[in-house]
Amino acid sequence: MAIYKVKELRAMSAEEMKEKEQQLLLELSREKSAVASGTKPENAGRIREMRRTIARMETIKKQRGASS
């Protein structure tokens, strides 16, 4: 899963963003479970970036809700 920039996230529809967020959450849980089982992650910063991207998505959803 790609890490999205804010500009890309704002261009997404609500349904598309929801789908991408679900995919990111699933991938994040896989990465976390792999680390918890003792496996060394391929990219150590990937978990942090996924968490930040999910937070960006949540922020944009709240901003859209407030502006409507």
N, C-alpha and C. Protein backbone atom coordinates (compact mmCIF):
# COMPACT_ATOMS: atom_id res chain seq x y z
N MET A 1 0.85 -1.17 0.00
CA MET A 1 0.00 0.00 0.00
C MET A 1 0.89 1.23 0.00
N ALA A 2 0.51 2.17 -0.80
CA ALA A 2 1.27 3.40 -0.89
C ALA A 2 0.93 4.34 0.26
N ILE A 3 1.89 5.17 0.58
CA ILE A 3 1.66 6.22 1.56
C ILE A 3 1.22 7.45 0.77
N TYR A 4 0.08 8.02 1.13
CA TYR A 4 -0.51 9.10 0.35
C TYR A 4 -0.11 10.47 0.88
N LYS A 5 -0.02 11.41 -0.04
CA LYS A 5 0.22 12.80 0.33
C LYS A 5 -1.13 13.45 0.58
N VAL A 6 -1.11 14.58 1.27
CA VAL A 6 -2.35 15.27 1.63
C VAL A 6 -3.12 15.66 0.37
N LYS A 7 -2.42 16.12 -0.65
CA LYS A 7 -3.07 16.53 -1.89
C LYS A 7 -3.82 15.35 -2.52
N GLU A 8 -3.22 14.17 -2.49
CA GLU A 8 -3.88 12.98 -3.03
C GLU A 8 -5.10 12.60 -2.20
N LEU A 9 -4.98 12.72 -0.89
CA LEU A 9 -6.09 12.36 -0.02
C LEU A 9 -7.28 13.30 -0.21
N ARG A 10 -7.01 14.57 -0.36
CA ARG A 10 -8.10 15.53 -0.55
C ARG A 10 -8.81 15.32 -1.88
N ALA A 11 -8.11 14.77 -2.87
CA ALA A 11 -8.72 14.52 -4.18
C ALA A 11 -9.60 13.27 -4.18
N MET A 12 -9.47 12.42 -3.18
CA MET A 12 -10.25 11.17 -3.11
C MET A 12 -11.69 11.44 -2.68
N SER A 13 -12.58 10.58 -3.16
CA SER A 13 -13.96 10.64 -2.69
C SER A 13 -14.02 9.99 -1.30
N ALA A 14 -15.12 10.19 -0.62
CA ALA A 14 -15.27 9.64 0.73
C ALA A 14 -15.23 8.12 0.71
N GLU A 15 -15.87 7.51 -0.28
CA GLU A 15 -15.88 6.04 -0.38
C GLU A 15 -14.49 5.50 -0.67
N GLU A 16 -13.80 6.15 -1.58
CA GLU A 16 -12.44 5.71 -1.93
C GLU A 16 -11.51 5.83 -0.73
N MET A 17 -11.64 6.93 0.01
CA MET A 17 -10.79 7.13 1.19
C MET A 17 -11.10 6.07 2.25
N LYS A 18 -12.37 5.75 2.43
CA LYS A 18 -12.75 4.73 3.41
C LYS A 18 -12.14 3.38 3.05
N GLU A 19 -12.18 3.05 1.77
CA GLU A 19 -11.60 1.78 1.30
C GLU A 19 -10.09 1.75 1.52
N LYS A 20 -9.41 2.83 1.18
CA LYS A 20 -7.96 2.90 1.35
C LYS A 20 -7.58 2.85 2.83
N GLU A 21 -8.39 3.48 3.66
CA GLU A 21 -8.12 3.47 5.10
C GLU A 21 -8.24 2.06 5.66
N GLN A 22 -9.26 1.32 5.22
CA GLN A 22 -9.42 -0.07 5.67
C GLN A 22 -8.23 -0.92 5.26
N GLN A 23 -7.74 -0.71 4.04
CA GLN A 23 -6.57 -1.45 3.56
C GLN A 23 -5.34 -1.12 4.40
N LEU A 24 -5.16 0.17 4.70
CA LEU A 24 -4.03 0.58 5.52
C LEU A 24 -4.11 0.00 6.92
N LEU A 25 -5.30 0.01 7.52
CA LEU A 25 -5.47 -0.55 8.86
C LEU A 25 -5.15 -2.05 8.88
N LEU A 26 -5.56 -2.75 7.84
CA LEU A 26 -5.28 -4.18 7.75
C LEU A 26 -3.78 -4.42 7.62
N GLU A 27 -3.14 -3.66 6.75
CA GLU A 27 -1.69 -3.80 6.57
C GLU A 27 -0.93 -3.43 7.84
N LEU A 28 -1.40 -2.39 8.53
CA LEU A 28 -0.76 -1.97 9.77
C LEU A 28 -0.86 -3.07 10.82
N SER A 29 -2.02 -3.71 10.92
CA SER A 29 -2.16 -4.78 11.91
C SER A 29 -1.26 -5.96 11.57
N ARG A 30 -1.08 -6.25 10.28
CA ARG A 30 -0.16 -7.33 9.87
C ARG A 30 1.27 -6.99 10.26
N GLU A 31 1.68 -5.75 9.99
CA GLU A 31 3.05 -5.32 10.31
C GLU A 31 3.28 -5.39 11.82
N LYS A 32 2.31 -4.91 12.60
CA LYS A 32 2.45 -4.91 14.05
C LYS A 32 2.52 -6.33 14.60
N SER A 33 1.71 -7.23 14.05
CA SER A 33 1.75 -8.61 14.54
C SER A 33 3.06 -9.29 14.16
N ALA A 34 3.62 -8.94 13.01
CA ALA A 34 4.91 -9.50 12.61
C ALA A 34 6.01 -9.04 13.56
N VAL A 35 5.98 -7.77 13.92
CA VAL A 35 6.98 -7.23 14.85
C VAL A 35 6.80 -7.85 16.23
N ALA A 36 5.55 -8.03 16.65
CA ALA A 36 5.29 -8.62 17.96
C ALA A 36 5.76 -10.07 18.04
N SER A 37 5.75 -10.76 16.92
CA SER A 37 6.20 -12.16 16.92
C SER A 37 7.71 -12.28 16.82
N GLY A 38 8.39 -11.15 16.73
CA GLY A 38 9.85 -11.17 16.74
C GLY A 38 10.50 -11.02 15.38
N THR A 39 9.72 -10.89 14.33
CA THR A 39 10.27 -10.72 12.99
C THR A 39 10.75 -9.28 12.81
N LYS A 40 11.88 -9.13 12.18
CA LYS A 40 12.40 -7.79 11.92
C LYS A 40 11.69 -7.22 10.69
N PRO A 41 11.14 -6.01 10.79
CA PRO A 41 10.41 -5.45 9.64
C PRO A 41 11.37 -5.07 8.51
N GLU A 42 10.86 -5.15 7.27
CA GLU A 42 11.66 -4.75 6.11
C GLU A 42 12.02 -3.27 6.19
N ASN A 43 11.01 -2.47 6.50
CA ASN A 43 11.20 -1.03 6.56
C ASN A 43 10.68 -0.57 7.92
N ALA A 44 11.58 -0.19 8.78
CA ALA A 44 11.19 0.16 10.15
C ALA A 44 10.30 1.40 10.22
N GLY A 45 10.44 2.33 9.31
CA GLY A 45 9.64 3.55 9.33
C GLY A 45 8.27 3.40 8.71
N ARG A 46 8.00 2.25 8.11
CA ARG A 46 6.73 2.05 7.42
C ARG A 46 5.54 2.07 8.38
N ILE A 47 5.68 1.49 9.55
CA ILE A 47 4.59 1.47 10.53
C ILE A 47 4.24 2.90 10.92
N ARG A 48 5.24 3.70 11.17
CA ARG A 48 5.02 5.09 11.56
C ARG A 48 4.31 5.86 10.44
N GLU A 49 4.74 5.65 9.20
CA GLU A 49 4.12 6.34 8.07
C GLU A 49 2.68 5.90 7.85
N MET A 50 2.40 4.63 8.06
CA MET A 50 1.02 4.16 7.93
C MET A 50 0.14 4.80 8.99
N ARG A 51 0.64 4.87 10.22
CA ARG A 51 -0.14 5.50 11.30
C ARG A 51 -0.40 6.97 10.97
N ARG A 52 0.60 7.65 10.45
CA ARG A 52 0.43 9.06 10.11
C ARG A 52 -0.56 9.25 8.97
N THR A 53 -0.50 8.38 7.97
CA THR A 53 -1.43 8.48 6.85
C THR A 53 -2.86 8.24 7.31
N ILE A 54 -3.06 7.28 8.19
CA ILE A 54 -4.40 7.02 8.73
C ILE A 54 -4.89 8.24 9.51
N ALA A 55 -4.01 8.87 10.26
CA ALA A 55 -4.38 10.07 11.01
C ALA A 55 -4.74 11.21 10.06
N ARG A 56 -4.01 11.33 8.97
CA ARG A 56 -4.33 12.36 7.97
C ARG A 56 -5.71 12.12 7.38
N MET A 57 -6.01 10.86 7.09
CA MET A 57 -7.33 10.52 6.55
C MET A 57 -8.43 10.90 7.52
N GLU A 58 -8.24 10.57 8.79
CA GLU A 58 -9.23 10.91 9.81
C GLU A 58 -9.42 12.43 9.91
N THR A 59 -8.33 13.17 9.85
CA THR A 59 -8.40 14.63 9.93
C THR A 59 -9.18 15.20 8.76
N ILE A 60 -8.90 14.72 7.56
CA ILE A 60 -9.59 15.21 6.37
C ILE A 60 -11.07 14.87 6.44
N LYS A 61 -11.41 13.67 6.92
CA LYS A 61 -12.83 13.30 7.06
C LYS A 61 -13.54 14.24 8.02
N LYS A 62 -12.89 14.57 9.13
CA LYS A 62 -13.50 15.48 10.10
C LYS A 62 -13.64 16.89 9.53
N GLN A 63 -12.66 17.33 8.77
CA GLN A 63 -12.73 18.65 8.15
C GLN A 63 -13.87 18.71 7.14
N ARG A 64 -14.04 17.67 6.39
CA ARG A 64 -15.14 17.63 5.42
C ARG A 64 -16.49 17.64 6.12
N GLY A 65 -16.58 16.94 7.24
CA GLY A 65 -17.83 16.90 7.99
C GLY A 65 -18.17 18.25 8.60
N ALA A 66 -17.17 18.99 9.04
CA ALA A 66 -17.38 20.29 9.66
C ALA A 66 -17.76 21.34 8.63
N SER A 67 -17.23 21.20 7.41
CA SER A 67 -17.50 22.21 6.40
C SER A 67 -18.85 22.01 5.73
N SER A 68 -19.44 20.80 5.83
CA SER A 68 -20.72 20.52 5.17
C SER A 68 -21.87 21.09 5.94
